[in-house]
Amino acid sequence: MKRFIIEQSSADIISHSGLSLIGQAIKRYTHLSGQLDASVPMRHGIKHSDVIKSYLALLSIGKNDFEAINGIESEFYFTSAMDIDEIPGEATLRQRMDKHAISFLPIVEKASRDFLSNIQPALRPLSTGHIPVDADVTPMDNSGSHVTTHP
C-alpha cells in the first residue's frame, strides 16, 4: 500500500483527501481485508475487500448511495488511498452488498472493534451510556480560525 506524506502546501485540497487516512487505518489497525476475502469463497471477480472498502470510502465522504461510485474523480488516488486493486461498478457494489451483507456485517463490526481497541482512544460515556465517536477525515489546520457568537 502506498504511504502518503501529509505536509502543508498552498495547493487546493480535494474533498477526498481524508481517504488516505481511512485506508491506512483499515490496513494498520484491522484485519478487514483478509477476513472479508476468506468469508465467502470466490472464483473470479472483484475481491470482497475491494467492494467493502470502496463502500466505506463512499460513506467516509458522505455518500451512501451505490451510484456514487460512478463519480470517483481520480481512480488512481482512490485505489491507492484505499489499498484496493479494482473499483467495483455500481451494479457489482449493489449486487455484492445485497447478496453478502449478512455475511459481511459481523466482519465489519469486528474490524470496528479491533480498530478502536488498537488505537486505544480515550472514550467517556454520556449520561445515557452511549459513547460518541466522531471522526473527521479532512486534514485541515483550523488553528487560526475564530468562532463568533451573536447574542
Protein backbone atom coordinates (compact mmCIF):
# COMPACT_ATOMS: atom_id res chain seq x y z
CA MET A 1 0.00 0.00 0.00
CA LYS A 2 1.33 3.41 -0.91
CA ARG A 3 2.02 5.64 2.10
CA PHE A 4 1.13 9.26 1.62
CA ILE A 5 3.20 12.11 3.00
CA ILE A 6 0.98 14.76 4.55
CA GLU A 7 2.54 18.20 4.58
CA GLN A 8 1.49 21.81 4.45
CA SER A 9 1.01 23.15 0.95
CA SER A 10 -0.56 26.04 -0.87
CA ALA A 11 -2.31 23.61 -3.23
CA ASP A 12 -6.06 23.08 -3.12
CA ILE A 13 -7.16 20.13 -1.01
CA ILE A 14 -9.68 17.83 -2.65
CA SER A 15 -12.63 16.69 -0.59
CA HIS A 16 -11.48 13.08 -0.74
CA SER A 17 -8.04 13.73 0.74
CA GLY A 18 -9.00 12.07 4.03
CA LEU A 19 -9.41 8.71 2.29
CA SER A 20 -5.68 8.13 2.61
CA LEU A 21 -6.09 8.22 6.39
CA ILE A 22 -9.11 5.90 6.25
CA GLY A 23 -7.22 3.43 4.05
CA GLN A 24 -4.19 3.47 6.36
CA ALA A 25 -6.39 3.00 9.43
CA ILE A 26 -8.10 -0.03 7.88
CA LYS A 27 -4.80 -1.60 6.82
CA ARG A 28 -2.82 -0.88 10.01
CA TYR A 29 -5.41 -1.47 12.71
CA THR A 30 -7.77 -4.14 11.36
CA HIS A 31 -7.74 -7.46 9.53
CA LEU A 32 -10.74 -6.45 7.44
CA SER A 33 -9.36 -7.34 4.01
CA GLY A 34 -8.16 -10.84 4.84
CA GLN A 35 -11.25 -11.72 6.84
CA LEU A 36 -13.65 -10.46 4.16
CA ASP A 37 -11.87 -12.25 1.35
CA ALA A 38 -11.86 -15.50 3.33
CA SER A 39 -15.50 -15.17 4.45
CA VAL A 40 -17.21 -16.14 1.21
CA PRO A 41 -15.10 -18.01 -1.34
CA MET A 42 -14.90 -16.53 -4.84
CA ARG A 43 -13.62 -17.94 -8.11
CA HIS A 44 -13.36 -14.68 -10.01
CA GLY A 45 -14.36 -11.05 -9.90
CA ILE A 46 -13.59 -8.11 -7.66
CA LYS A 47 -12.45 -9.09 -4.18
CA HIS A 48 -14.96 -8.71 -1.35
CA SER A 49 -12.49 -6.46 0.45
CA ASP A 50 -12.31 -4.11 -2.56
CA VAL A 51 -16.11 -3.88 -2.60
CA ILE A 52 -16.43 -3.17 1.13
CA LYS A 53 -13.51 -0.74 1.26
CA SER A 54 -14.96 1.12 -1.74
CA TYR A 55 -18.29 1.43 0.06
CA LEU A 56 -16.57 2.51 3.29
CA ALA A 57 -14.76 5.17 1.27
CA LEU A 58 -18.08 6.42 -0.12
CA LEU A 59 -19.57 6.56 3.38
CA SER A 60 -16.48 8.43 4.59
CA ILE A 61 -17.03 11.18 2.03
CA GLY A 62 -20.72 11.45 2.83
CA LYS A 63 -22.14 9.32 0.02
CA ASN A 64 -24.42 6.42 0.89
CA ASP A 65 -25.90 5.50 -2.48
CA PHE A 66 -24.34 2.86 -4.72
CA GLU A 67 -24.39 5.09 -7.80
CA ALA A 68 -21.94 7.49 -6.12
CA ILE A 69 -19.19 5.02 -7.06
CA ASN A 70 -19.59 6.30 -10.65
CA GLY A 71 -18.50 9.79 -9.57
CA ILE A 72 -14.99 8.89 -8.41
CA GLU A 73 -12.82 11.69 -9.78
CA SER A 74 -9.40 10.03 -9.60
CA GLU A 75 -9.28 6.26 -9.85
CA PHE A 76 -5.54 6.23 -9.13
CA TYR A 77 -5.94 8.20 -5.91
CA PHE A 78 -8.99 6.20 -4.82
CA THR A 79 -7.33 2.81 -5.37
CA SER A 80 -4.05 3.94 -3.81
CA ALA A 81 -5.64 5.58 -0.79
CA MET A 82 -7.95 2.66 -0.02
CA ASP A 83 -5.46 -0.07 -1.00
CA ILE A 84 -7.78 -1.71 -3.49
CA ASP A 85 -7.00 -3.37 -6.80
CA GLU A 86 -10.21 -2.53 -8.62
CA ILE A 87 -13.12 -0.15 -8.09
CA PRO A 88 -16.42 -2.01 -8.39
CA GLY A 89 -19.08 -0.65 -10.66
CA GLU A 90 -22.47 0.40 -9.31
CA ALA A 91 -24.07 -2.92 -10.24
CA THR A 92 -21.31 -5.00 -8.64
CA LEU A 93 -21.43 -2.91 -5.48
CA ARG A 94 -25.21 -3.23 -5.21
CA GLN A 95 -25.33 -6.96 -6.04
CA ARG A 96 -22.49 -7.90 -3.69
CA MET A 97 -24.00 -5.94 -0.82
CA ASP A 98 -27.44 -7.46 -1.46
CA LYS A 99 -26.07 -10.99 -1.64
CA HIS A 100 -23.46 -10.98 1.14
CA ALA A 101 -24.34 -8.17 3.57
CA ILE A 102 -25.38 -10.59 6.31
CA SER A 103 -22.05 -12.45 5.98
CA PHE A 104 -20.03 -9.23 5.84
CA LEU A 105 -21.66 -7.47 8.79
CA PRO A 106 -20.00 -9.43 11.64
CA ILE A 107 -16.60 -8.96 9.97
CA VAL A 108 -17.10 -5.20 9.56
CA GLU A 109 -18.32 -4.92 13.15
CA LYS A 110 -15.28 -6.84 14.38
CA ALA A 111 -13.00 -4.57 12.35
CA SER A 112 -14.63 -1.55 14.03
CA ARG A 113 -13.99 -3.05 17.47
CA ASP A 114 -10.44 -4.03 16.52
CA PHE A 115 -9.75 -0.51 15.26
CA LEU A 116 -10.93 1.09 18.49
CA SER A 117 -9.08 -1.48 20.58
CA ASN A 118 -5.84 -0.99 18.65
CA ILE A 119 -5.81 2.81 18.72
CA GLN A 120 -7.00 2.94 22.34
CA PRO A 121 -8.86 6.26 22.23
CA ALA A 122 -9.98 7.96 25.45
CA LEU A 123 -13.70 7.14 25.40
CA ARG A 124 -16.08 8.54 28.00
CA PRO A 125 -19.76 7.57 28.09
CA LEU A 126 -22.51 10.17 28.01
CA SER A 127 -25.14 10.26 30.74
CA THR A 128 -27.23 7.94 28.54
CA GLY A 129 -24.46 5.35 28.50
CA HIS A 130 -23.70 5.94 24.81
CA ILE A 131 -20.15 6.62 23.68
CA PRO A 132 -19.91 9.20 20.88
CA VAL A 133 -17.31 8.54 18.22
CA ASP A 134 -16.60 11.38 15.82
CA ALA A 135 -14.03 11.07 13.05
CA ASP A 136 -13.19 13.94 10.73
CA VAL A 137 -11.36 12.68 7.63
CA THR A 138 -10.50 16.14 6.30
CA PRO A 139 -6.93 17.06 7.27
CA MET A 140 -7.31 20.81 7.69
CA ASP A 141 -5.47 23.14 10.04
CA ASN A 142 -8.14 25.25 11.73
CA SER A 143 -5.86 26.55 14.48
CA GLY A 144 -6.12 30.15 13.24
CA SER A 145 -9.90 30.19 12.85
CA HIS A 146 -12.20 32.04 15.22
CA VAL A 147 -15.77 31.37 16.27
CA THR A 148 -18.03 34.38 16.55
CA THR A 149 -21.24 34.08 18.51
CA HIS A 150 -24.10 36.51 18.31
CA PRO A 151 -26.26 37.13 21.39
